[in-house]
Amino acid sequence: MNVDRLIGTHDFLFITLDTLRYDVAQECLTNGYTPNLARLLPGGKWERRHTPASFTYAAHQAFFAGFLPTPDLPGKHPRLFALSFAGSETTGENTCVFETADIISGFAQREYHTICIGGVGFFNKQNALGNVLPGMFAESHWDISLGVTDPNSTENQVRLAIECLAKLPRSQRVFLFINISALHQPNCIFLPGETIDSPITQAAALAYVDRHLPPLFEAMQQRAPIMGIICSDHGTAYGEDDYHGHRLSHPVVWHVPYAEFILPRLDRSEANAL
């Protein structure tokens, strides 16, 4: 995909499904728990990739520098986005290269309005560290209703994103980033009666997320065609080989689901028919 050809005509949507394991995402897809995501995935499948980092802050710093999850295959893989620096071996002829310190300011330089809808603590803007990632955007939002403890977090995030889009003229191109918090612990809140997080409770959280994403796609498709990326930043361990959590080297942490897609612009009548 040549992203340069889309800049100026397409809005960009980047969603990170924070802490989602590849195996959980794939199982949900196979069992029909995520029909809305299934419609977006090329070939109806998640691509298994390697994350550049094992926890949220480091992974997003890499993402925003153009280092998205790497295909789980041997060889060098040209990137969608890159920042200009000498010696890059993954900047190909179709790579969109920005002369900036991060891709967000690169999009801003090309007259995109950049929006961050935060989720987990590294986006909470409550301290200096929590301001680093959202501080890259022209507009950023976080409150506790968007965070990991709210059982309505995804619908709150989607509602806020739609409100932000509605304030902009449709001629204004947008780079919208959302860090979905529901998959992060405590995801047991999405399965009644459960008090301990597990792959089963994360699957329940992902099914919840899937139910509440369609209004976002509809709102964006009424503005412009969309180039979208949906992926996890890292997985997490639920006792495999006695490991728990993330910020550690284990396949369940390093393997993440990834998808990139194009959606056409729809007029209101087409959107209402979805």
Protein backbone atom coordinates (compact mmCIF):
# COMPACT_ATOMS: atom_id res chain seq x y z
CA MET A 1 0.00 0.00 0.00
CA ASN A 2 1.32 3.44 -0.94
CA VAL A 3 0.16 5.74 1.84
CA ASP A 4 1.51 8.86 0.13
CA ARG A 5 -1.19 8.47 -2.52
CA LEU A 6 -3.90 8.55 0.16
CA ILE A 7 -2.74 11.63 2.07
CA GLY A 8 -5.02 14.56 1.40
CA THR A 9 -7.97 12.45 0.27
CA HIS A 10 -8.34 9.91 3.11
CA ASP A 11 -8.81 10.25 6.84
CA PHE A 12 -6.54 7.98 8.87
CA LEU A 13 -7.77 5.84 11.75
CA PHE A 14 -5.30 4.09 14.04
CA ILE A 15 -6.76 1.91 16.79
CA THR A 16 -4.65 0.01 19.30
CA LEU A 17 -6.44 -2.77 21.15
CA ASP A 18 -4.31 -2.47 24.25
CA THR A 19 -2.92 -5.78 25.61
CA LEU A 20 -4.89 -8.00 23.20
CA ARG A 21 -3.25 -11.37 22.61
CA TYR A 22 -3.11 -12.79 19.09
CA ASP A 23 -4.50 -16.16 20.16
CA VAL A 24 -7.47 -14.53 21.90
CA ALA A 25 -8.22 -12.32 18.88
CA GLN A 26 -8.03 -15.29 16.52
CA GLU A 27 -10.22 -17.50 18.72
CA CYS A 28 -12.86 -14.79 18.94
CA LEU A 29 -12.81 -14.46 15.17
CA THR A 30 -13.13 -18.21 14.64
CA ASN A 31 -16.03 -18.46 17.07
CA GLY A 32 -17.92 -15.53 15.57
CA TYR A 33 -17.61 -13.26 18.61
CA THR A 34 -16.24 -10.31 16.59
CA PRO A 35 -18.38 -10.01 13.44
CA ASN A 36 -17.77 -6.28 13.01
CA LEU A 37 -14.00 -6.61 13.14
CA ALA A 38 -14.24 -9.63 10.83
CA ARG A 39 -15.75 -7.44 8.11
CA LEU A 40 -12.71 -5.16 8.22
CA LEU A 41 -9.98 -7.77 8.15
CA PRO A 42 -8.43 -8.54 4.76
CA GLY A 43 -9.53 -12.06 3.91
CA GLY A 44 -11.47 -12.11 7.16
CA LYS A 45 -8.31 -12.96 9.12
CA TRP A 46 -5.98 -11.31 11.60
CA GLU A 47 -2.35 -11.16 10.55
CA ARG A 48 0.02 -12.40 13.24
CA ARG A 49 2.85 -9.93 13.79
CA HIS A 50 5.66 -9.23 16.24
CA THR A 51 5.30 -6.15 18.40
CA PRO A 52 8.35 -3.86 18.70
CA ALA A 53 7.96 -3.71 22.49
CA SER A 54 6.46 -5.61 25.40
CA PHE A 55 4.45 -2.85 27.09
CA THR A 56 2.29 0.12 26.15
CA TYR A 57 4.62 3.08 26.45
CA ALA A 58 7.52 1.56 24.52
CA ALA A 59 5.27 0.03 21.86
CA HIS A 60 3.48 3.31 21.14
CA GLN A 61 6.73 5.27 21.03
CA ALA A 62 7.82 2.81 18.33
CA PHE A 63 4.46 2.98 16.51
CA PHE A 64 4.53 6.77 16.44
CA ALA A 65 8.05 6.61 14.99
CA GLY A 66 6.74 4.44 12.16
CA PHE A 67 7.72 1.04 13.57
CA LEU A 68 4.41 -0.82 13.45
CA PRO A 69 4.25 -4.53 14.35
CA THR A 70 6.47 -6.55 12.01
CA PRO A 71 5.12 -9.41 9.86
CA ASP A 72 5.82 -12.79 11.45
CA LEU A 73 7.91 -13.95 8.49
CA PRO A 74 11.64 -13.99 7.70
CA GLY A 75 13.13 -11.12 5.76
CA LYS A 76 13.06 -7.34 5.75
CA HIS A 77 9.60 -5.81 5.58
CA PRO A 78 9.12 -2.29 4.11
CA ARG A 79 7.09 -0.08 6.42
CA LEU A 80 3.94 1.95 5.74
CA PHE A 81 5.41 4.98 7.53
CA ALA A 82 8.93 6.07 8.37
CA LEU A 83 10.79 9.09 9.64
CA SER A 84 13.71 10.29 7.60
CA PHE A 85 17.00 8.91 8.91
CA ALA A 86 20.12 7.53 7.26
CA GLY A 87 20.61 3.80 7.00
CA SER A 88 17.00 2.66 7.27
CA GLU A 89 16.69 -0.79 5.71
CA THR A 90 12.90 -0.94 5.89
CA THR A 91 12.08 2.31 4.09
CA GLY A 92 10.85 1.15 0.69
CA GLU A 93 9.62 2.86 -2.46
CA ASN A 94 6.03 2.82 -1.16
CA THR A 95 6.89 3.99 2.36
CA CYS A 96 5.45 7.34 3.40
CA VAL A 97 8.45 9.24 4.79
CA PHE A 98 8.02 12.24 7.08
CA GLU A 99 10.71 14.83 7.79
CA THR A 100 9.56 15.06 11.39
CA ALA A 101 10.26 13.42 14.76
CA ASP A 102 7.04 11.35 14.76
CA ILE A 103 4.31 10.41 12.31
CA ILE A 104 1.69 12.48 14.14
CA SER A 105 3.53 15.73 13.52
CA GLY A 106 4.21 14.45 10.01
CA PHE A 107 0.48 14.24 9.36
CA ALA A 108 -0.01 17.66 10.99
CA GLN A 109 2.61 19.08 8.65
CA ARG A 110 0.45 17.81 5.78
CA GLU A 111 -2.55 19.72 7.17
CA TYR A 112 -4.21 16.89 9.08
CA HIS A 113 -5.92 17.59 12.40
CA THR A 114 -4.57 15.00 14.86
CA ILE A 115 -6.77 13.62 17.65
CA CYS A 116 -5.90 11.23 20.50
CA ILE A 117 -8.60 9.46 22.51
CA GLY A 118 -6.67 7.97 25.41
CA GLY A 119 -7.30 4.75 27.26
CA VAL A 120 -4.74 3.17 29.59
CA GLY A 121 -2.63 5.06 32.10
CA PHE A 122 0.12 6.16 29.72
CA PHE A 123 -2.50 8.42 28.08
CA ASN A 124 -4.14 9.77 31.24
CA LYS A 125 -2.49 13.23 31.22
CA GLN A 126 -2.33 13.16 35.04
CA ASN A 127 1.44 13.56 35.25
CA ALA A 128 4.44 14.32 33.07
CA LEU A 129 4.76 10.74 31.82
CA GLY A 130 1.04 10.50 31.10
CA ASN A 131 1.34 13.58 28.87
CA VAL A 132 4.17 12.37 26.61
CA LEU A 133 2.11 10.32 24.13
CA PRO A 134 -1.05 12.48 24.03
CA GLY A 135 1.19 15.56 23.87
CA MET A 136 2.13 14.61 20.31
CA PHE A 137 -1.41 15.39 19.13
CA ALA A 138 -3.12 18.70 18.42
CA GLU A 139 -6.14 17.50 20.39
CA SER A 140 -6.13 14.85 23.12
CA HIS A 141 -8.65 13.56 25.63
CA TRP A 142 -8.73 11.35 28.70
CA ASP A 143 -10.89 10.91 31.77
CA ILE A 144 -11.67 7.96 34.01
CA SER A 145 -14.69 6.95 31.89
CA LEU A 146 -12.26 6.07 29.07
CA GLY A 147 -9.96 4.02 31.28
CA VAL A 148 -9.48 0.41 32.27
CA THR A 149 -11.90 0.35 35.23
CA ASP A 150 -15.01 1.58 33.40
CA PRO A 151 -17.14 -1.26 31.94
CA ASN A 152 -18.48 1.21 29.35
CA SER A 153 -15.06 2.49 28.28
CA THR A 154 -15.23 1.62 24.57
CA GLU A 155 -18.66 3.12 24.00
CA ASN A 156 -17.48 6.23 25.88
CA GLN A 157 -14.37 6.44 23.70
CA VAL A 158 -16.36 6.00 20.50
CA ARG A 159 -18.93 8.59 21.55
CA LEU A 160 -16.19 11.12 22.33
CA ALA A 161 -14.40 10.46 19.04
CA ILE A 162 -17.62 11.06 17.11
CA GLU A 163 -18.19 14.32 19.01
CA CYS A 164 -14.67 15.46 18.10
CA LEU A 165 -15.22 14.66 14.43
CA ALA A 166 -18.58 16.47 14.39
CA LYS A 167 -16.87 19.73 15.38
CA LEU A 168 -14.67 19.71 12.29
CA PRO A 169 -15.61 20.65 8.73
CA ARG A 170 -15.74 17.61 6.49
CA SER A 171 -13.08 19.16 4.30
CA GLN A 172 -10.61 18.96 7.20
CA ARG A 173 -8.62 15.75 6.97
CA VAL A 174 -8.14 13.89 10.24
CA PHE A 175 -5.65 11.51 11.82
CA LEU A 176 -7.61 9.86 14.64
CA PHE A 177 -5.89 7.62 17.18
CA ILE A 178 -7.77 5.63 19.83
CA ASN A 179 -6.16 3.49 22.51
CA ILE A 180 -8.88 0.98 23.45
CA SER A 181 -8.51 0.19 27.14
CA ALA A 182 -11.07 -2.59 27.67
CA LEU A 183 -8.71 -5.50 26.89
CA HIS A 184 -6.24 -4.43 29.57
CA GLN A 185 -6.64 -5.72 33.09
CA PRO A 186 -9.08 -5.78 34.83
CA ASN A 187 -10.89 -7.35 31.87
CA CYS A 188 -12.73 -9.74 34.20
CA ILE A 189 -15.31 -6.95 34.57
CA PHE A 190 -16.72 -8.00 31.18
CA LEU A 191 -17.69 -11.50 32.31
CA PRO A 192 -20.22 -11.57 35.16
CA GLY A 193 -19.11 -13.56 38.16
CA GLU A 194 -15.42 -13.59 37.22
CA THR A 195 -12.86 -11.96 39.50
CA ILE A 196 -9.61 -13.10 37.85
CA ASP A 197 -8.38 -12.07 34.40
CA SER A 198 -7.80 -14.85 31.86
CA PRO A 199 -7.90 -15.46 28.09
CA ILE A 200 -11.64 -16.12 28.54
CA THR A 201 -12.31 -12.75 30.17
CA GLN A 202 -10.17 -10.98 27.58
CA ALA A 203 -12.27 -12.65 24.88
CA ALA A 204 -15.41 -11.32 26.58
CA ALA A 205 -13.85 -7.85 26.60
CA LEU A 206 -13.05 -8.09 22.89
CA ALA A 207 -16.61 -9.14 22.09
CA TYR A 208 -17.77 -6.05 24.01
CA VAL A 209 -15.38 -3.83 22.05
CA ASP A 210 -16.59 -5.28 18.75
CA ARG A 211 -20.22 -4.40 19.53
CA HIS A 212 -19.39 -0.72 20.02
CA LEU A 213 -17.03 0.08 17.13
CA PRO A 214 -19.52 0.35 14.19
CA PRO A 215 -20.76 3.91 14.98
CA LEU A 216 -17.17 5.13 14.74
CA PHE A 217 -16.66 3.66 11.28
CA GLU A 218 -20.01 5.03 10.15
CA ALA A 219 -19.19 8.55 11.37
CA MET A 220 -15.79 8.51 9.70
CA GLN A 221 -17.09 7.10 6.42
CA GLN A 222 -19.55 9.98 6.17
CA ARG A 223 -16.57 12.36 6.11
CA ALA A 224 -14.12 10.71 3.72
CA PRO A 225 -12.66 7.36 2.70
CA ILE A 226 -10.57 5.84 5.49
CA MET A 227 -7.19 4.22 5.67
CA GLY A 228 -7.28 2.17 8.87
CA ILE A 229 -4.88 0.25 11.07
CA ILE A 230 -6.06 -1.90 13.97
CA CYS A 231 -3.58 -3.83 16.07
CA SER A 232 -2.53 -4.72 19.57
CA ASP A 233 0.48 -3.08 21.16
CA HIS A 234 1.46 -6.26 23.05
CA GLY A 235 -0.10 -9.34 24.59
CA THR A 236 -0.06 -10.50 28.19
CA ALA A 237 0.57 -13.72 30.08
CA TYR A 238 -2.07 -15.42 32.21
CA GLY A 239 0.17 -18.02 33.84
CA GLU A 240 1.78 -19.59 30.76
CA ASP A 241 5.14 -21.06 31.88
CA ASP A 242 4.45 -19.34 35.22
CA TYR A 243 4.59 -15.87 33.61
CA HIS A 244 2.00 -13.26 34.47
CA GLY A 245 1.43 -9.85 32.86
CA HIS A 246 3.66 -8.22 30.25
CA ARG A 247 6.92 -6.25 29.97
CA LEU A 248 8.53 -9.66 29.57
CA SER A 249 9.70 -11.89 26.72
CA HIS A 250 7.16 -14.62 26.03
CA PRO A 251 5.37 -15.52 22.76
CA VAL A 252 1.96 -14.57 24.19
CA VAL A 253 3.34 -11.06 24.73
CA TRP A 254 5.25 -10.67 21.46
CA HIS A 255 2.60 -12.08 19.07
CA VAL A 256 -0.08 -9.50 18.27
CA PRO A 257 -3.04 -9.28 15.86
CA TYR A 258 -2.72 -6.71 13.06
CA ALA A 259 -4.85 -5.47 10.16
CA GLU A 260 -4.76 -2.58 7.72
CA PHE A 261 -7.68 -1.73 5.46
CA ILE A 262 -9.36 0.86 3.26
CA LEU A 263 -13.02 1.84 3.69
CA PRO A 264 -14.90 3.95 1.11
CA ARG A 265 -16.73 7.16 1.83
CA LEU A 266 -20.47 6.61 2.28
CA ASP A 267 -23.30 9.07 2.01
CA ARG A 268 -25.88 9.18 4.80
CA SER A 269 -28.33 6.82 3.12
CA GLU A 270 -25.62 4.19 2.61
CA ALA A 271 -24.40 4.58 6.19
CA ASN A 272 -27.90 4.23 7.61
CA ALA A 273 -28.34 1.00 5.67
CA LEU A 274 -25.35 -0.63 7.41
